[in-house]
C-alpha atoms as a PDB file:
ATOM      1  CA  UNK A   1     -97.734 -33.699 -34.761  1.00  0.00           C
ATOM      2  CA  UNK A   2    -100.562 -32.181 -32.764  1.00  0.00           C
ATOM      3  CA  UNK A   3    -104.007 -32.671 -34.390  1.00  0.00           C
ATOM      4  CA  UNK A   4    -104.860 -28.967 -34.049  1.00  0.00           C
ATOM      5  CA  UNK A   5    -101.537 -28.040 -35.665  1.00  0.00           C
ATOM      6  CA  UNK A   6    -102.101 -30.524 -38.500  1.00  0.00           C
ATOM      7  CA  UNK A   7    -105.562 -29.048 -39.033  1.00  0.00           C
ATOM      8  CA  UNK A   8    -104.110 -25.527 -39.364  1.00  0.00           C
ATOM      9  CA  UNK A   9    -100.793 -26.107 -41.136  1.00  0.00           C
ATOM     10  CA  UNK A  10    -100.498 -25.827 -44.902  1.00  0.00           C
ATOM     11  CA  UNK A  11    -104.146 -25.590 -45.948  1.00  0.00           C
ATOM     12  CA  UNK A  12    -104.767 -26.593 -49.546  1.00  0.00           C
ATOM     13  CA  UNK A  13    -106.881 -23.534 -50.114  1.00  0.00           C
ATOM     14  CA  UNK A  14    -107.104 -20.128 -48.502  1.00  0.00           C
ATOM     15  CA  UNK A  15    -109.039 -20.342 -45.211  1.00  0.00           C
ATOM     16  CA  UNK A  16    -112.458 -18.782 -45.114  1.00  0.00           C
ATOM     17  CA  UNK A  17    -113.022 -15.851 -42.733  1.00  0.00           C
ATOM     18  CA  UNK A  18    -115.021 -18.005 -40.240  1.00  0.00           C
ATOM     19  CA  UNK A  19    -112.101 -20.521 -40.146  1.00  0.00           C
ATOM     20  CA  UNK A  20    -109.660 -17.677 -39.458  1.00  0.00           C
ATOM     21  CA  UNK A  21    -111.924 -16.452 -36.650  1.00  0.00           C
ATOM     22  CA  UNK A  22    -112.198 -19.962 -35.159  1.00  0.00           C
ATOM     23  CA  UNK A  23    -108.437 -20.527 -35.302  1.00  0.00           C
ATOM     24  CA  UNK A  24    -107.748 -17.090 -33.779  1.00  0.00           C
ATOM     25  CA  UNK A  25    -110.306 -17.694 -31.033  1.00  0.00           C
ATOM     26  CA  UNK A  26    -108.779 -21.108 -30.251  1.00  0.00           C
ATOM     27  CA  UNK A  27    -105.349 -19.482 -30.095  1.00  0.00           C
ATOM     28  CA  UNK A  28    -106.682 -16.757 -27.814  1.00  0.00           C
ATOM     29  CA  UNK A  29    -108.093 -19.396 -25.443  1.00  0.00           C
ATOM     30  CA  UNK A  30    -104.776 -21.310 -25.478  1.00  0.00           C
ATOM     31  CA  UNK A  31    -102.875 -18.098 -24.815  1.00  0.00           C
ATOM     32  CA  UNK A  32    -105.211 -17.250 -21.894  1.00  0.00           C
ATOM     33  CA  UNK A  33    -104.880 -20.797 -20.507  1.00  0.00           C
ATOM     34  CA  UNK A  34    -101.096 -20.450 -20.678  1.00  0.00           C
ATOM     35  CA  UNK A  35    -101.183 -17.086 -18.881  1.00  0.00           C
ATOM     36  CA  UNK A  36    -103.509 -18.558 -16.221  1.00  0.00           C
ATOM     37  CA  UNK A  37    -101.164 -21.541 -15.754  1.00  0.00           C
ATOM     38  CA  UNK A  38     -98.171 -19.229 -15.384  1.00  0.00           C
ATOM     39  CA  UNK A  39    -100.025 -17.190 -12.757  1.00  0.00           C
ATOM     40  CA  UNK A  40    -101.018 -20.366 -10.886  1.00  0.00           C
ATOM     41  CA  UNK A  41     -97.390 -21.547 -11.030  1.00  0.00           C
ATOM     42  CA  UNK A  42     -96.182 -18.207  -9.665  1.00  0.00           C
ATOM     43  CA  UNK A  43     -98.728 -18.344  -6.828  1.00  0.00           C
ATOM     44  CA  UNK A  44     -97.928 -21.986  -6.037  1.00  0.00           C
ATOM     45  CA  UNK A  45     -94.184 -21.241  -6.033  1.00  0.00           C
ATOM     46  CA  UNK A  46     -94.646 -18.298  -3.659  1.00  0.00           C
ATOM     47  CA  UNK A  47     -96.867 -20.394  -1.384  1.00  0.00           C
ATOM     48  CA  UNK A  48     -94.336 -23.247  -1.342  1.00  0.00           C
ATOM     49  CA  UNK A  49     -91.451 -20.888  -0.551  1.00  0.00           C
ATOM     50  CA  UNK A  50     -93.430 -19.203   2.245  1.00  0.00           C
ATOM     51  CA  UNK A  51     -94.392 -22.591   3.685  1.00  0.00           C
ATOM     52  CA  UNK A  52     -90.794 -23.844   3.467  1.00  0.00           C
ATOM     53  CA  UNK A  53     -89.548 -20.813   5.422  1.00  0.00           C
ATOM     54  CA  UNK A  54     -92.245 -21.357   8.064  1.00  0.00           C
ATOM     55  CA  UNK A  55     -91.380 -25.060   8.377  1.00  0.00           C
ATOM     56  CA  UNK A  56     -87.671 -24.273   8.693  1.00  0.00           C
ATOM     57  CA  UNK A  57     -88.563 -21.959  11.584  1.00  0.00           C
ATOM     58  CA  UNK A  58     -90.664 -24.730  13.179  1.00  0.00           C
ATOM     59  CA  UNK A  59     -87.701 -27.095  13.011  1.00  0.00           C
ATOM     60  CA  UNK A  60     -85.275 -24.381  14.204  1.00  0.00           C
ATOM     61  CA  UNK A  61     -87.493 -23.536  17.193  1.00  0.00           C
ATOM     62  CA  UNK A  62     -88.922 -26.926  18.150  1.00  0.00           C
ATOM     63  CA  UNK A  63     -86.750 -29.610  16.549  1.00  0.00           C
ATOM     64  CA  UNK A  64     -84.301 -31.803  18.371  1.00  0.00           C
ATOM     65  CA  UNK A  65     -80.670 -32.432  17.454  1.00  0.00           C
ATOM     66  CA  UNK A  66     -80.151 -34.623  14.400  1.00  0.00           C
ATOM     67  CA  UNK A  67     -76.616 -34.119  13.094  1.00  0.00           C
ATOM     68  CA  UNK A  68     -73.875 -31.549  13.584  1.00  0.00           C
ATOM     69  CA  UNK A  69     -75.742 -28.716  11.867  1.00  0.00           C
ATOM     70  CA  UNK A  70     -79.209 -30.276  11.591  1.00  0.00           C
ATOM     71  CA  UNK A  71     -82.360 -30.493  13.647  1.00  0.00           C
ATOM     72  CA  UNK A  72     -85.264 -32.907  13.252  1.00  0.00           C
ATOM     73  CA  UNK A  73     -88.947 -32.481  14.057  1.00  0.00           C
ATOM     74  CA  UNK A  74     -91.054 -35.662  14.271  1.00  0.00           C
ATOM     75  CA  UNK A  75     -94.684 -36.114  13.354  1.00  0.00           C
ATOM     76  CA  UNK A  76     -96.625 -39.381  13.360  1.00  0.00           C
ATOM     77  CA  UNK A  77     -95.935 -40.295   9.730  1.00  0.00           C
ATOM     78  CA  UNK A  78     -93.641 -37.500   8.603  1.00  0.00           C
ATOM     79  CA  UNK A  79     -90.472 -35.884   9.842  1.00  0.00           C
ATOM     80  CA  UNK A  80     -88.720 -32.688   8.869  1.00  0.00           C
ATOM     81  CA  UNK A  81     -84.960 -32.202   8.922  1.00  0.00           C
ATOM     82  CA  UNK A  82     -83.534 -28.700   8.571  1.00  0.00           C
ATOM     83  CA  UNK A  83     -79.831 -28.165   8.040  1.00  0.00           C
ATOM     84  CA  UNK A  84     -78.238 -24.904   9.090  1.00  0.00           C
ATOM     85  CA  UNK A  85     -74.734 -24.155   7.925  1.00  0.00           C
ATOM     86  CA  UNK A  86     -72.319 -21.357   7.193  1.00  0.00           C
ATOM     87  CA  UNK A  87     -69.462 -20.772   4.839  1.00  0.00           C
ATOM     88  CA  UNK A  88     -66.368 -18.669   5.221  1.00  0.00           C
ATOM     89  CA  UNK A  89     -64.616 -16.750   2.481  1.00  0.00           C
ATOM     90  CA  UNK A  90     -61.716 -14.381   2.492  1.00  0.00           C
ATOM     91  CA  UNK A  91     -62.114 -10.709   1.752  1.00  0.00           C
ATOM     92  CA  UNK A  92     -59.263 -10.050  -0.698  1.00  0.00           C
ATOM     93  CA  UNK A  93     -59.197  -6.327   0.005  1.00  0.00           C
ATOM     94  CA  UNK A  94     -58.959  -6.922   3.761  1.00  0.00           C
ATOM     95  CA  UNK A  95     -56.196  -9.476   3.215  1.00  0.00           C
ATOM     96  CA  UNK A  96     -54.252  -6.925   1.174  1.00  0.00           C
ATOM     97  CA  UNK A  97     -54.735  -4.239   3.844  1.00  0.00           C
ATOM     98  CA  UNK A  98     -53.410  -6.635   6.493  1.00  0.00           C
ATOM     99  CA  UNK A  99     -50.451  -7.608   4.298  1.00  0.00           C
ATOM    100  CA  UNK A 100     -49.512  -3.979   3.690  1.00  0.00           C
ATOM    101  CA  UNK A 101     -49.929  -3.121   7.367  1.00  0.00           C
ATOM    102  CA  UNK A 102     -47.644  -6.023   8.345  1.00  0.00           C
ATOM    103  CA  UNK A 103     -45.036  -4.812   5.848  1.00  0.00           C
ATOM    104  CA  UNK A 104     -45.328  -1.280   7.217  1.00  0.00           C
ATOM    105  CA  UNK A 105     -45.025  -2.610  10.803  1.00  0.00           C
ATOM    106  CA  UNK A 106     -41.895  -4.526   9.722  1.00  0.00           C
ATOM    107  CA  UNK A 107     -43.463  -7.896  10.570  1.00  0.00           C
ATOM    108  CA  UNK A 108     -42.756  -9.493   7.201  1.00  0.00           C
ATOM    109  CA  UNK A 109     -41.624 -12.755   8.799  1.00  0.00           C
ATOM    110  CA  UNK A 110     -45.243 -13.189   9.888  1.00  0.00           C
ATOM    111  CA  UNK A 111     -46.322 -12.744   6.268  1.00  0.00           C
ATOM    112  CA  UNK A 112     -44.575 -15.976   5.317  1.00  0.00           C
ATOM    113  CA  UNK A 113     -46.216 -17.798   8.199  1.00  0.00           C
ATOM    114  CA  UNK A 114     -49.844 -16.808   7.595  1.00  0.00           C
ATOM    115  CA  UNK A 115     -49.957 -16.152   3.835  1.00  0.00           C
ATOM    116  CA  UNK A 116     -49.213 -18.118   0.730  1.00  0.00           C
ATOM    117  CA  UNK A 117     -47.951 -16.172  -2.218  1.00  0.00           C
ATOM    118  CA  UNK A 118     -49.706 -16.532  -5.538  1.00  0.00           C
ATOM    119  CA  UNK A 119     -51.259 -14.014  -7.872  1.00  0.00           C
ATOM    120  CA  UNK A 120     -53.185 -12.754  -4.867  1.00  0.00           C
ATOM    121  CA  UNK A 121     -52.675 -13.030  -1.141  1.00  0.00           C
ATOM    122  CA  UNK A 122     -54.610 -15.850   0.486  1.00  0.00           C
ATOM    123  CA  UNK A 123     -54.554 -16.700   4.163  1.00  0.00           C
ATOM    124  CA  UNK A 124     -53.316 -20.158   5.071  1.00  0.00           C
ATOM    125  CA  UNK A 125     -55.804 -22.426   6.770  1.00  0.00           C
ATOM    126  CA  UNK A 126     -53.664 -22.410   9.939  1.00  0.00           C
ATOM    127  CA  UNK A 127     -53.385 -18.587  10.058  1.00  0.00           C
ATOM    128  CA  UNK A 128     -55.741 -18.235  13.025  1.00  0.00           C
ATOM    129  CA  UNK A 129     -53.679 -20.668  15.096  1.00  0.00           C
ATOM    130  CA  UNK A 130     -50.399 -18.997  14.116  1.00  0.00           C
ATOM    131  CA  UNK A 131     -51.624 -15.511  14.974  1.00  0.00           C
ATOM    132  CA  UNK A 132     -52.746 -16.640  18.449  1.00  0.00           C
ATOM    133  CA  UNK A 133     -49.076 -17.136  19.356  1.00  0.00           C
ATOM    134  CA  UNK A 134     -48.032 -13.730  17.998  1.00  0.00           C
ATOM    135  CA  UNK A 135     -48.435 -10.353  19.638  1.00  0.00           C
ATOM    136  CA  UNK A 136     -50.241  -8.141  17.159  1.00  0.00           C
ATOM    137  CA  UNK A 137     -51.124  -4.509  17.672  1.00  0.00           C
ATOM    138  CA  UNK A 138     -54.894  -3.960  18.000  1.00  0.00           C
ATOM    139  CA  UNK A 139     -55.007  -2.261  14.587  1.00  0.00           C
ATOM    140  CA  UNK A 140     -53.339  -5.267  12.936  1.00  0.00           C
ATOM    141  CA  UNK A 141     -55.632  -7.673  14.796  1.00  0.00           C
ATOM    142  CA  UNK A 142     -58.665  -5.708  13.552  1.00  0.00           C
ATOM    143  CA  UNK A 143     -57.331  -5.923  10.000  1.00  0.00           C
ATOM    144  CA  UNK A 144     -56.775  -9.657  10.435  1.00  0.00           C
ATOM    145  CA  UNK A 145     -60.350 -10.180  11.603  1.00  0.00           C
ATOM    146  CA  UNK A 146     -61.661  -8.361   8.517  1.00  0.00           C
ATOM    147  CA  UNK A 147     -59.921 -10.879   6.259  1.00  0.00           C
ATOM    148  CA  UNK A 148     -62.504 -13.615   6.754  1.00  0.00           C
ATOM    149  CA  UNK A 149     -66.204 -13.291   6.115  1.00  0.00           C
ATOM    150  CA  UNK A 150     -68.650 -15.789   7.604  1.00  0.00           C
ATOM    151  CA  UNK A 151     -72.182 -15.859   6.276  1.00  0.00           C
ATOM    152  CA  UNK A 152     -75.183 -18.107   6.759  1.00  0.00           C
ATOM    153  CA  UNK A 153     -76.209 -20.349   3.909  1.00  0.00           C
ATOM    154  CA  UNK A 154     -79.862 -20.719   3.066  1.00  0.00           C
ATOM    155  CA  UNK A 155     -81.193 -23.430   5.378  1.00  0.00           C
ATOM    156  CA  UNK A 156     -82.295 -26.597   3.627  1.00  0.00           C
ATOM    157  CA  UNK A 157     -85.425 -28.560   4.485  1.00  0.00           C
ATOM    158  CA  UNK A 158     -86.112 -32.257   3.898  1.00  0.00           C
ATOM    159  CA  UNK A 159     -89.711 -33.353   4.491  1.00  0.00           C
ATOM    160  CA  UNK A 160     -90.087 -37.108   4.247  1.00  0.00           C
ATOM    161  CA  UNK A 161     -92.175 -40.044   5.334  1.00  0.00           C
ATOM    162  CA  UNK A 162     -90.756 -41.696   8.396  1.00  0.00           C
ATOM    163  CA  UNK A 163     -88.956 -44.978   7.900  1.00  0.00           C
ATOM    164  CA  UNK A 164     -91.017 -47.839   9.254  1.00  0.00           C
ATOM    165  CA  UNK A 165     -89.211 -49.985  11.798  1.00  0.00           C
ATOM    166  CA  UNK A 166     -88.437 -53.546  10.707  1.00  0.00           C
ATOM    167  CA  UNK A 167     -91.147 -56.025  11.670  1.00  0.00           C
ATOM    168  CA  UNK A 168     -89.924 -58.799  13.976  1.00  0.00           C
ATOM    169  CA  UNK A 169     -89.889 -62.263  12.383  1.00  0.00           C
ATOM    170  CA  UNK A 170     -92.597 -64.528  13.722  1.00  0.00           C
END
């Protein structure tokens, strides 16, 4: 138990007014210190986020290739690796519009090739390859293209000390 808490908890007698004032003043100072710490944390978090975004741009603009979707920027002791990636999801409403348009265009055989049937319509992973061999009307092709949504993920940044090369045995 904290010494200050032990000093305040369960007094044997009613505290005197000066003791109440002292305890309240101590609490006020603690409360102010906590508010100041929260404000410093907020400022430090904002500064770190701003700096991270700036460093990601450094690596994006000036870094060399590192891995498939990564770039690396070398310093003397430190290096920064930024990874840039995307993810693709399917737009369920667009998939349904395409499915209905294919039914209306009497191309239901194509439905079985590019869709799996479950509680909702989901495009097969090979749908893009299958459709390349088919002749689709421009309207159907536009609907097909609306079925997938590609978006950038937030780039990640890894700032680390460089690995020291192994020393040759003497």
